[in-house]
Amino acid sequence: MTANRNQNFEYHFESLKIETNFWGDKISTDYRETIHRFAADGWRFVQAYAPATGADGRSCYVELIFERPVE
């Protein structure tokens, strides 16, 4: 995709919960499937963001950021 300086984009943020157990942390949903599902609808994966939200500095969720041109 070639970016046009005047091109506008819309963004979607998809949160995936991180589950913690005795053996460690695990994302509750397969992020690869989520990325493929959104790509099939014309969204481009931009970034994954996991803010430190827990008292111990761990993340409670991962936010996947998608964009697509506004037509």
PDB file of N, CA and C in Angstrom:
ATOM      1  N   MET A   1       0.858  -1.167   0.000  1.00  0.00           N
ATOM      2  CA  MET A   1       0.000   0.000   0.000  1.00  0.00           C
ATOM      3  C   MET A   1       0.906   1.232   0.000  1.00  0.00           C
ATOM      4  N   THR A   2       0.684   2.104  -0.969  1.00  0.00           N
ATOM      5  CA  THR A   2       1.429   3.350  -1.043  1.00  0.00           C
ATOM      6  C   THR A   2       0.653   4.436  -0.323  1.00  0.00           C
ATOM      7  N   ALA A   3       1.320   5.109   0.577  1.00  0.00           N
ATOM      8  CA  ALA A   3       0.651   6.162   1.348  1.00  0.00           C
ATOM      9  C   ALA A   3       0.579   7.445   0.533  1.00  0.00           C
ATOM     10  N   ASN A   4      -0.555   8.061   0.552  1.00  0.00           N
ATOM     11  CA  ASN A   4      -0.772   9.356  -0.075  1.00  0.00           C
ATOM     12  C   ASN A   4      -0.827  10.379   1.048  1.00  0.00           C
ATOM     13  N   ARG A   5      -0.157  11.485   0.893  1.00  0.00           N
ATOM     14  CA  ARG A   5      -0.127  12.495   1.962  1.00  0.00           C
ATOM     15  C   ARG A   5      -1.519  12.961   2.360  1.00  0.00           C
ATOM     16  N   ASN A   6      -2.449  12.931   1.434  1.00  0.00           N
ATOM     17  CA  ASN A   6      -3.814  13.381   1.718  1.00  0.00           C
ATOM     18  C   ASN A   6      -4.744  12.235   2.087  1.00  0.00           C
ATOM     19  N   GLN A   7      -4.189  11.046   2.193  1.00  0.00           N
ATOM     20  CA  GLN A   7      -5.002   9.870   2.521  1.00  0.00           C
ATOM     21  C   GLN A   7      -5.401   9.893   3.993  1.00  0.00           C
ATOM     22  N   ASN A   8      -6.667   9.658   4.265  1.00  0.00           N
ATOM     23  CA  ASN A   8      -7.149   9.565   5.640  1.00  0.00           C
ATOM     24  C   ASN A   8      -7.333   8.099   6.001  1.00  0.00           C
ATOM     25  N   PHE A   9      -7.130   7.791   7.268  1.00  0.00           N
ATOM     26  CA  PHE A   9      -7.258   6.429   7.743  1.00  0.00           C
ATOM     27  C   PHE A   9      -8.243   6.377   8.906  1.00  0.00           C
ATOM     28  N   GLU A  10      -8.874   5.228   9.036  1.00  0.00           N
ATOM     29  CA  GLU A  10      -9.651   4.955  10.234  1.00  0.00           C
ATOM     30  C   GLU A  10      -8.895   3.878  10.999  1.00  0.00           C
ATOM     31  N   TYR A  11      -9.086   3.863  12.309  1.00  0.00           N
ATOM     32  CA  TYR A  11      -8.346   2.946  13.172  1.00  0.00           C
ATOM     33  C   TYR A  11      -9.304   2.107  14.000  1.00  0.00           C
ATOM     34  N   HIS A  12      -8.857   0.892  14.279  1.00  0.00           N
ATOM     35  CA  HIS A  12      -9.607  -0.007  15.149  1.00  0.00           C
ATOM     36  C   HIS A  12      -8.644  -0.557  16.196  1.00  0.00           C
ATOM     37  N   PHE A  13      -9.101  -0.629  17.433  1.00  0.00           N
ATOM     38  CA  PHE A  13      -8.301  -1.141  18.544  1.00  0.00           C
ATOM     39  C   PHE A  13      -8.989  -2.380  19.094  1.00  0.00           C
ATOM     40  N   GLU A  14      -8.282  -3.503  19.072  1.00  0.00           N
ATOM     41  CA  GLU A  14      -8.833  -4.775  19.544  1.00  0.00           C
ATOM     42  C   GLU A  14      -8.037  -5.217  20.773  1.00  0.00           C
ATOM     43  N   SER A  15      -8.719  -5.336  21.915  1.00  0.00           N
ATOM     44  CA  SER A  15      -8.056  -5.731  23.161  1.00  0.00           C
ATOM     45  C   SER A  15      -8.150  -7.235  23.362  1.00  0.00           C
ATOM     46  N   LEU A  16      -7.021  -7.840  23.686  1.00  0.00           N
ATOM     47  CA  LEU A  16      -6.949  -9.263  23.986  1.00  0.00           C
ATOM     48  C   LEU A  16      -6.473  -9.418  25.424  1.00  0.00           C
ATOM     49  N   LYS A  17      -7.263 -10.096  26.223  1.00  0.00           N
ATOM     50  CA  LYS A  17      -6.954 -10.257  27.642  1.00  0.00           C
ATOM     51  C   LYS A  17      -5.738 -11.179  27.833  1.00  0.00           C
ATOM     52  N   ILE A  18      -4.907 -10.826  28.794  1.00  0.00           N
ATOM     53  CA  ILE A  18      -3.777 -11.673  29.189  1.00  0.00           C
ATOM     54  C   ILE A  18      -4.179 -12.382  30.477  1.00  0.00           C
ATOM     55  N   GLU A  19      -4.161 -13.705  30.408  1.00  0.00           N
ATOM     56  CA  GLU A  19      -4.507 -14.512  31.580  1.00  0.00           C
ATOM     57  C   GLU A  19      -3.218 -14.940  32.281  1.00  0.00           C
ATOM     58  N   THR A  20      -3.217 -14.837  33.593  1.00  0.00           N
ATOM     59  CA  THR A  20      -2.054 -15.214  34.395  1.00  0.00           C
ATOM     60  C   THR A  20      -2.407 -16.429  35.234  1.00  0.00           C
ATOM     61  N   ASN A  21      -1.499 -17.397  35.238  1.00  0.00           N
ATOM     62  CA  ASN A  21      -1.680 -18.557  36.103  1.00  0.00           C
ATOM     63  C   ASN A  21      -0.322 -18.951  36.691  1.00  0.00           C
ATOM     64  N   PHE A  22      -0.276 -20.075  37.335  1.00  0.00           N
ATOM     65  CA  PHE A  22       0.947 -20.529  38.008  1.00  0.00           C
ATOM     66  C   PHE A  22       2.133 -20.655  37.053  1.00  0.00           C
ATOM     67  N   TRP A  23       1.865 -21.044  35.802  1.00  0.00           N
ATOM     68  CA  TRP A  23       2.934 -21.288  34.831  1.00  0.00           C
ATOM     69  C   TRP A  23       3.336 -20.041  34.058  1.00  0.00           C
ATOM     70  N   GLY A  24       2.617 -18.963  34.194  1.00  0.00           N
ATOM     71  CA  GLY A  24       2.990 -17.736  33.492  1.00  0.00           C
ATOM     72  C   GLY A  24       1.803 -17.031  32.873  1.00  0.00           C
ATOM     73  N   ASP A  25       2.090 -16.153  31.932  1.00  0.00           N
ATOM     74  CA  ASP A  25       1.069 -15.345  31.268  1.00  0.00           C
ATOM     75  C   ASP A  25       0.766 -15.915  29.881  1.00  0.00           C
ATOM     76  N   LYS A  26      -0.481 -15.753  29.456  1.00  0.00           N
ATOM     77  CA  LYS A  26      -0.900 -16.234  28.148  1.00  0.00           C
ATOM     78  C   LYS A  26      -2.012 -15.336  27.631  1.00  0.00           C
ATOM     79  N   ILE A  27      -1.926 -14.973  26.355  1.00  0.00           N
ATOM     80  CA  ILE A  27      -2.998 -14.188  25.735  1.00  0.00           C
ATOM     81  C   ILE A  27      -4.189 -15.104  25.542  1.00  0.00           C
ATOM     82  N   SER A  28      -5.366 -14.639  25.938  1.00  0.00           N
ATOM     83  CA  SER A  28      -6.577 -15.470  25.939  1.00  0.00           C
ATOM     84  C   SER A  28      -7.052 -15.853  24.534  1.00  0.00           C
ATOM     85  N   THR A  29      -6.713 -15.068  23.528  1.00  0.00           N
ATOM     86  CA  THR A  29      -7.135 -15.305  22.149  1.00  0.00           C
ATOM     87  C   THR A  29      -5.891 -15.395  21.272  1.00  0.00           C
ATOM     88  N   ASP A  30      -5.932 -16.254  20.247  1.00  0.00           N
ATOM     89  CA  ASP A  30      -4.794 -16.357  19.329  1.00  0.00           C
ATOM     90  C   ASP A  30      -4.690 -15.060  18.525  1.00  0.00           C
ATOM     91  N   TYR A  31      -3.662 -14.285  18.802  1.00  0.00           N
ATOM     92  CA  TYR A  31      -3.509 -12.992  18.134  1.00  0.00           C
ATOM     93  C   TYR A  31      -3.312 -13.150  16.635  1.00  0.00           C
ATOM     94  N   ARG A  32      -2.712 -14.250  16.189  1.00  0.00           N
ATOM     95  CA  ARG A  32      -2.501 -14.461  14.753  1.00  0.00           C
ATOM     96  C   ARG A  32      -3.842 -14.589  14.021  1.00  0.00           C
ATOM     97  N   GLU A  33      -4.763 -15.339  14.611  1.00  0.00           N
ATOM     98  CA  GLU A  33      -6.090 -15.478  14.008  1.00  0.00           C
ATOM     99  C   GLU A  33      -6.810 -14.134  13.959  1.00  0.00           C
ATOM    100  N   THR A  34      -6.666 -13.351  15.009  1.00  0.00           N
ATOM    101  CA  THR A  34      -7.300 -12.028  15.057  1.00  0.00           C
ATOM    102  C   THR A  34      -6.743 -11.140  13.958  1.00  0.00           C
ATOM    103  N   ILE A  35      -5.429 -11.139  13.765  1.00  0.00           N
ATOM    104  CA  ILE A  35      -4.801 -10.325  12.713  1.00  0.00           C
ATOM    105  C   ILE A  35      -5.278 -10.775  11.340  1.00  0.00           C
ATOM    106  N   HIS A  36      -5.327 -12.085  11.091  1.00  0.00           N
ATOM    107  CA  HIS A  36      -5.795 -12.599   9.794  1.00  0.00           C
ATOM    108  C   HIS A  36      -7.259 -12.245   9.545  1.00  0.00           C
ATOM    109  N   ARG A  37      -8.068 -12.309  10.593  1.00  0.00           N
ATOM    110  CA  ARG A  37      -9.500 -11.993  10.464  1.00  0.00           C
ATOM    111  C   ARG A  37      -9.695 -10.527  10.059  1.00  0.00           C
ATOM    112  N   PHE A  38      -8.962  -9.630  10.703  1.00  0.00           N
ATOM    113  CA  PHE A  38      -9.093  -8.208  10.367  1.00  0.00           C
ATOM    114  C   PHE A  38      -8.490  -7.903   8.998  1.00  0.00           C
ATOM    115  N   ALA A  39      -7.397  -8.571   8.642  1.00  0.00           N
ATOM    116  CA  ALA A  39      -6.780  -8.370   7.326  1.00  0.00           C
ATOM    117  C   ALA A  39      -7.750  -8.757   6.212  1.00  0.00           C
ATOM    118  N   ALA A  40      -8.529  -9.798   6.427  1.00  0.00           N
ATOM    119  CA  ALA A  40      -9.515 -10.228   5.429  1.00  0.00           C
ATOM    120  C   ALA A  40     -10.588  -9.165   5.206  1.00  0.00           C
ATOM    121  N   ASP A  41     -10.796  -8.288   6.178  1.00  0.00           N
ATOM    122  CA  ASP A  41     -11.767  -7.202   6.062  1.00  0.00           C
ATOM    123  C   ASP A  41     -11.128  -5.883   5.629  1.00  0.00           C
ATOM    124  N   GLY A  42      -9.875  -5.940   5.191  1.00  0.00           N
ATOM    125  CA  GLY A  42      -9.212  -4.744   4.669  1.00  0.00           C
ATOM    126  C   GLY A  42      -8.414  -3.939   5.679  1.00  0.00           C
ATOM    127  N   TRP A  43      -8.281  -4.448   6.912  1.00  0.00           N
ATOM    128  CA  TRP A  43      -7.506  -3.740   7.928  1.00  0.00           C
ATOM    129  C   TRP A  43      -6.040  -4.157   7.842  1.00  0.00           C
ATOM    130  N   ARG A  44      -5.147  -3.226   8.103  1.00  0.00           N
ATOM    131  CA  ARG A  44      -3.713  -3.497   8.152  1.00  0.00           C
ATOM    132  C   ARG A  44      -3.273  -3.434   9.604  1.00  0.00           C
ATOM    133  N   PHE A  45      -2.557  -4.482  10.041  1.00  0.00           N
ATOM    134  CA  PHE A  45      -2.025  -4.506  11.403  1.00  0.00           C
ATOM    135  C   PHE A  45      -0.909  -3.472  11.511  1.00  0.00           C
ATOM    136  N   VAL A  46      -0.991  -2.614  12.531  1.00  0.00           N
ATOM    137  CA  VAL A  46      -0.009  -1.541  12.712  1.00  0.00           C
ATOM    138  C   VAL A  46       0.922  -1.843  13.882  1.00  0.00           C
ATOM    139  N   GLN A  47       0.345  -2.212  15.025  1.00  0.00           N
ATOM    140  CA  GLN A  47       1.172  -2.355  16.228  1.00  0.00           C
ATOM    141  C   GLN A  47       0.421  -3.117  17.313  1.00  0.00           C
ATOM    142  N   ALA A  48       1.183  -3.755  18.192  1.00  0.00           N
ATOM    143  CA  ALA A  48       0.634  -4.357  19.405  1.00  0.00           C
ATOM    144  C   ALA A  48       1.160  -3.539  20.575  1.00  0.00           C
ATOM    145  N   TYR A  49       0.284  -3.235  21.507  1.00  0.00           N
ATOM    146  CA  TYR A  49       0.630  -2.393  22.655  1.00  0.00           C
ATOM    147  C   TYR A  49       0.138  -3.083  23.921  1.00  0.00           C
ATOM    148  N   ALA A  50       1.028  -3.266  24.880  1.00  0.00           N
ATOM    149  CA  ALA A  50       0.667  -3.907  26.150  1.00  0.00           C
ATOM    150  C   ALA A  50       1.082  -2.995  27.300  1.00  0.00           C
ATOM    151  N   PRO A  51       0.182  -2.105  27.733  1.00  0.00           N
ATOM    152  CA  PRO A  51       0.539  -1.175  28.804  1.00  0.00           C
ATOM    153  C   PRO A  51       0.667  -1.881  30.152  1.00  0.00           C
ATOM    154  N   ALA A  52       1.575  -1.407  30.953  1.00  0.00           N
ATOM    155  CA  ALA A  52       1.746  -1.948  32.308  1.00  0.00           C
ATOM    156  C   ALA A  52       0.596  -1.445  33.164  1.00  0.00           C
ATOM    157  N   THR A  53      -0.361  -2.322  33.449  1.00  0.00           N
ATOM    158  CA  THR A  53      -1.554  -1.908  34.178  1.00  0.00           C
ATOM    159  C   THR A  53      -1.658  -2.534  35.561  1.00  0.00           C
ATOM    160  N   GLY A  54      -0.918  -3.605  35.801  1.00  0.00           N
ATOM    161  CA  GLY A  54      -0.986  -4.277  37.094  1.00  0.00           C
ATOM    162  C   GLY A  54      -0.091  -3.613  38.127  1.00  0.00           C
ATOM    163  N   ALA A  55      -0.342  -3.907  39.382  1.00  0.00           N
ATOM    164  CA  ALA A  55       0.458  -3.334  40.467  1.00  0.00           C
ATOM    165  C   ALA A  55       1.915  -3.770  40.380  1.00  0.00           C
ATOM    166  N   ASP A  56       2.152  -4.945  39.785  1.00  0.00           N
ATOM    167  CA  ASP A  56       3.520  -5.456  39.656  1.00  0.00           C
ATOM    168  C   ASP A  56       4.164  -5.069  38.328  1.00  0.00           C
ATOM    169  N   GLY A  57       3.506  -4.225  37.545  1.00  0.00           N
ATOM    170  CA  GLY A  57       4.053  -3.761  36.272  1.00  0.00           C
ATOM    171  C   GLY A  57       3.698  -4.631  35.090  1.00  0.00           C
ATOM    172  N   ARG A  58       2.930  -5.688  35.316  1.00  0.00           N
ATOM    173  CA  ARG A  58       2.515  -6.568  34.218  1.00  0.00           C
ATOM    174  C   ARG A  58       1.336  -5.958  33.459  1.00  0.00           C
ATOM    175  N   SER A  59       1.147  -6.457  32.268  1.00  0.00           N
ATOM    176  CA  SER A  59       0.006  -6.038  31.460  1.00  0.00           C
ATOM    177  C   SER A  59      -1.155  -6.980  31.680  1.00  0.00           C
ATOM    178  N   CYS A  60      -2.353  -6.427  31.680  1.00  0.00           N
ATOM    179  CA  CYS A  60      -3.578  -7.223  31.803  1.00  0.00           C
ATOM    180  C   CYS A  60      -4.171  -7.514  30.430  1.00  0.00           C
ATOM    181  N   TYR A  61      -3.724  -6.772  29.410  1.00  0.00           N
ATOM    182  CA  TYR A  61      -4.236  -6.974  28.053  1.00  0.00           C
ATOM    183  C   TYR A  61      -3.216  -6.481  27.033  1.00  0.00           C
ATOM    184  N   VAL A  62      -3.403  -6.964  25.815  1.00  0.00           N
ATOM    185  CA  VAL A  62      -2.625  -6.503  24.664  1.00  0.00           C
ATOM    186  C   VAL A  62      -3.616  -5.835  23.732  1.00  0.00           C
ATOM    187  N   GLU A  63      -3.273  -4.672  23.247  1.00  0.00           N
ATOM    188  CA  GLU A  63      -4.148  -3.970  22.316  1.00  0.00           C
ATOM    189  C   GLU A  63      -3.519  -4.065  20.925  1.00  0.00           C
ATOM    190  N   LEU A  64      -4.254  -4.645  19.977  1.00  0.00           N
ATOM    191  CA  LEU A  64      -3.812  -4.702  18.589  1.00  0.00           C
ATOM    192  C   LEU A  64      -4.397  -3.498  17.867  1.00  0.00           C
ATOM    193  N   ILE A  65      -3.559  -2.795  17.130  1.00  0.00           N
ATOM    194  CA  ILE A  65      -3.984  -1.577  16.444  1.00  0.00           C
ATOM    195  C   ILE A  65      -3.987  -1.849  14.943  1.00  0.00           C
ATOM    196  N   PHE A  66      -5.119  -1.544  14.303  1.00  0.00           N
ATOM    197  CA  PHE A  66      -5.298  -1.750  12.873  1.00  0.00           C
ATOM    198  C   PHE A  66      -5.686  -0.432  12.218  1.00  0.00           C
ATOM    199  N   GLU A  67      -5.352  -0.302  10.921  1.00  0.00           N
ATOM    200  CA  GLU A  67      -5.770   0.866  10.164  1.00  0.00           C
ATOM    201  C   GLU A  67      -6.214   0.440   8.774  1.00  0.00           C
ATOM    202  N   ARG A  68      -7.048   1.294   8.166  1.00  0.00           N
ATOM    203  CA  ARG A  68      -7.407   1.109   6.759  1.00  0.00           C
ATOM    204  C   ARG A  68      -7.779   2.460   6.196  1.00  0.00           C
ATOM    205  N   PRO A  69      -7.553   2.624   4.892  1.00  0.00           N
ATOM    206  CA  PRO A  69      -7.876   3.912   4.277  1.00  0.00           C
ATOM    207  C   PRO A  69      -9.373   4.175   4.300  1.00  0.00           C
ATOM    208  N   VAL A  70      -9.716   5.433   4.477  1.00  0.00           N
ATOM    209  CA  VAL A  70     -11.106   5.865   4.393  1.00  0.00           C
ATOM    210  C   VAL A  70     -11.355   6.190   2.940  1.00  0.00           C
ATOM    211  N   GLU A  71     -12.387   5.603   2.403  1.00  0.00           N
ATOM    212  CA  GLU A  71     -12.688   5.833   0.969  1.00  0.00           C
ATOM    213  C   GLU A  71     -13.722   6.894   0.779  1.00  0.00           C
TER     214      GLU A  71
END
